């Protein structure tokens, strides 16, 4: 269940990142896909560095959302630098 929460939080984070960083946005589909991947990475990173709180839900939501936003922004920035057209 914790994976599902992190993946959904990542998708939401990727789309929120796309809304915040419009010039880096890749469109709803790719923001979601990258958000899901970033959510999984964010959760793994939180577990790897043993960053825990009283509520595991906070870790799952925070790690997923931040990971999703960061990965979407990185890929959007790379695409922009390489001359790709953003959505």
C-alpha atoms as a PDB file:
ATOM      1  CA  UNK A   1       0.000   0.000   0.000  1.00  0.00           C
ATOM      2  CA  UNK A   2       2.860   2.379   0.752  1.00  0.00           C
ATOM      3  CA  UNK A   3       4.109   2.050  -2.831  1.00  0.00           C
ATOM      4  CA  UNK A   4       0.729   2.956  -4.253  1.00  0.00           C
ATOM      5  CA  UNK A   5       0.529   6.074  -2.088  1.00  0.00           C
ATOM      6  CA  UNK A   6       4.022   7.149  -3.160  1.00  0.00           C
ATOM      7  CA  UNK A   7       3.308   6.554  -6.841  1.00  0.00           C
ATOM      8  CA  UNK A   8       0.047   8.516  -6.739  1.00  0.00           C
ATOM      9  CA  UNK A   9       1.748  11.303  -4.756  1.00  0.00           C
ATOM     10  CA  UNK A  10       4.513  11.302  -7.373  1.00  0.00           C
ATOM     11  CA  UNK A  11       2.013  11.676 -10.209  1.00  0.00           C
ATOM     12  CA  UNK A  12       0.344  14.555  -8.381  1.00  0.00           C
ATOM     13  CA  UNK A  13       3.744  16.081  -7.620  1.00  0.00           C
ATOM     14  CA  UNK A  14       4.807  15.815 -11.258  1.00  0.00           C
ATOM     15  CA  UNK A  15       1.681  17.629 -12.399  1.00  0.00           C
ATOM     16  CA  UNK A  16       1.957  20.270  -9.675  1.00  0.00           C
ATOM     17  CA  UNK A  17       5.559  20.792 -10.741  1.00  0.00           C
ATOM     18  CA  UNK A  18       4.377  21.169 -14.326  1.00  0.00           C
ATOM     19  CA  UNK A  19       1.876  23.800 -13.201  1.00  0.00           C
ATOM     20  CA  UNK A  20       4.502  25.660 -11.161  1.00  0.00           C
ATOM     21  CA  UNK A  21       7.262  25.426 -13.775  1.00  0.00           C
ATOM     22  CA  UNK A  22       5.269  25.977 -16.952  1.00  0.00           C
ATOM     23  CA  UNK A  23       8.375  26.372 -19.117  1.00  0.00           C
ATOM     24  CA  UNK A  24       9.603  22.942 -18.012  1.00  0.00           C
ATOM     25  CA  UNK A  25       6.254  21.166 -18.225  1.00  0.00           C
ATOM     26  CA  UNK A  26       6.088  18.165 -20.545  1.00  0.00           C
ATOM     27  CA  UNK A  27       2.298  17.913 -20.643  1.00  0.00           C
ATOM     28  CA  UNK A  28      -0.045  16.047 -18.337  1.00  0.00           C
ATOM     29  CA  UNK A  29       0.837  12.540 -19.540  1.00  0.00           C
ATOM     30  CA  UNK A  30       4.624  12.890 -19.297  1.00  0.00           C
ATOM     31  CA  UNK A  31       4.448  14.940 -16.100  1.00  0.00           C
ATOM     32  CA  UNK A  32       2.439  12.059 -14.601  1.00  0.00           C
ATOM     33  CA  UNK A  33       4.771   9.343 -15.902  1.00  0.00           C
ATOM     34  CA  UNK A  34       7.871  11.143 -14.657  1.00  0.00           C
ATOM     35  CA  UNK A  35       6.083  11.931 -11.415  1.00  0.00           C
ATOM     36  CA  UNK A  36       5.338   8.236 -10.846  1.00  0.00           C
ATOM     37  CA  UNK A  37       8.974   7.330 -11.480  1.00  0.00           C
ATOM     38  CA  UNK A  38      10.138  10.189  -9.280  1.00  0.00           C
ATOM     39  CA  UNK A  39       7.697   9.121  -6.581  1.00  0.00           C
ATOM     40  CA  UNK A  40       9.232   5.660  -6.503  1.00  0.00           C
ATOM     41  CA  UNK A  41      12.707   7.188  -6.388  1.00  0.00           C
ATOM     42  CA  UNK A  42      11.717   9.637  -3.679  1.00  0.00           C
ATOM     43  CA  UNK A  43      10.327   6.863  -1.515  1.00  0.00           C
ATOM     44  CA  UNK A  44      13.459   4.765  -1.995  1.00  0.00           C
ATOM     45  CA  UNK A  45      15.633   7.744  -1.102  1.00  0.00           C
ATOM     46  CA  UNK A  46      13.607   8.449   2.042  1.00  0.00           C
ATOM     47  CA  UNK A  47      13.975   4.803   3.080  1.00  0.00           C
ATOM     48  CA  UNK A  48      17.685   4.697   2.196  1.00  0.00           C
ATOM     49  CA  UNK A  49      18.577   7.706   4.314  1.00  0.00           C
ATOM     50  CA  UNK A  50      16.279   6.450   7.051  1.00  0.00           C
ATOM     51  CA  UNK A  51      14.285   9.684   7.077  1.00  0.00           C
ATOM     52  CA  UNK A  52      11.233   8.696   9.053  1.00  0.00           C
ATOM     53  CA  UNK A  53       8.541  10.574  10.896  1.00  0.00           C
ATOM     54  CA  UNK A  54       5.910   9.463  13.360  1.00  0.00           C
ATOM     55  CA  UNK A  55       3.546   8.944  10.447  1.00  0.00           C
ATOM     56  CA  UNK A  56       4.713   6.766   7.574  1.00  0.00           C
ATOM     57  CA  UNK A  57       2.039   8.460   5.475  1.00  0.00           C
ATOM     58  CA  UNK A  58       3.925  11.761   5.685  1.00  0.00           C
ATOM     59  CA  UNK A  59       7.059  10.029   4.348  1.00  0.00           C
ATOM     60  CA  UNK A  60       5.145   8.420   1.504  1.00  0.00           C
ATOM     61  CA  UNK A  61       3.336  11.592   0.466  1.00  0.00           C
ATOM     62  CA  UNK A  62       6.333  13.878   0.920  1.00  0.00           C
ATOM     63  CA  UNK A  63       8.873  11.615  -0.707  1.00  0.00           C
ATOM     64  CA  UNK A  64       6.554  10.822  -3.585  1.00  0.00           C
ATOM     65  CA  UNK A  65       5.493  14.399  -4.280  1.00  0.00           C
ATOM     66  CA  UNK A  66       8.966  15.896  -3.983  1.00  0.00           C
ATOM     67  CA  UNK A  67      10.544  13.086  -6.016  1.00  0.00           C
ATOM     68  CA  UNK A  68       7.911  13.497  -8.730  1.00  0.00           C
ATOM     69  CA  UNK A  69       8.343  17.248  -8.928  1.00  0.00           C
ATOM     70  CA  UNK A  70      12.138  17.074  -8.979  1.00  0.00           C
ATOM     71  CA  UNK A  71      12.345  14.418 -11.703  1.00  0.00           C
ATOM     72  CA  UNK A  72       9.799  16.256 -13.887  1.00  0.00           C
ATOM     73  CA  UNK A  73      11.771  19.503 -13.499  1.00  0.00           C
ATOM     74  CA  UNK A  74      15.113  17.828 -14.287  1.00  0.00           C
ATOM     75  CA  UNK A  75      13.828  16.152 -17.447  1.00  0.00           C
ATOM     76  CA  UNK A  76      12.033  19.348 -18.510  1.00  0.00           C
ATOM     77  CA  UNK A  77      15.221  21.359 -18.009  1.00  0.00           C
ATOM     78  CA  UNK A  78      17.309  18.870 -19.965  1.00  0.00           C
ATOM     79  CA  UNK A  79      14.786  18.895 -22.798  1.00  0.00           C
ATOM     80  CA  UNK A  80      14.749  22.697 -22.820  1.00  0.00           C
ATOM     81  CA  UNK A  81      18.560  22.941 -22.841  1.00  0.00           C
ATOM     82  CA  UNK A  82      18.772  20.433 -25.694  1.00  0.00           C
ATOM     83  CA  UNK A  83      16.389  22.554 -27.726  1.00  0.00           C
ATOM     84  CA  UNK A  84      13.255  20.451 -27.408  1.00  0.00           C
ATOM     85  CA  UNK A  85       9.864  22.113 -27.565  1.00  0.00           C
ATOM     86  CA  UNK A  86       7.972  22.081 -24.251  1.00  0.00           C
ATOM     87  CA  UNK A  87       4.223  21.502 -24.230  1.00  0.00           C
END
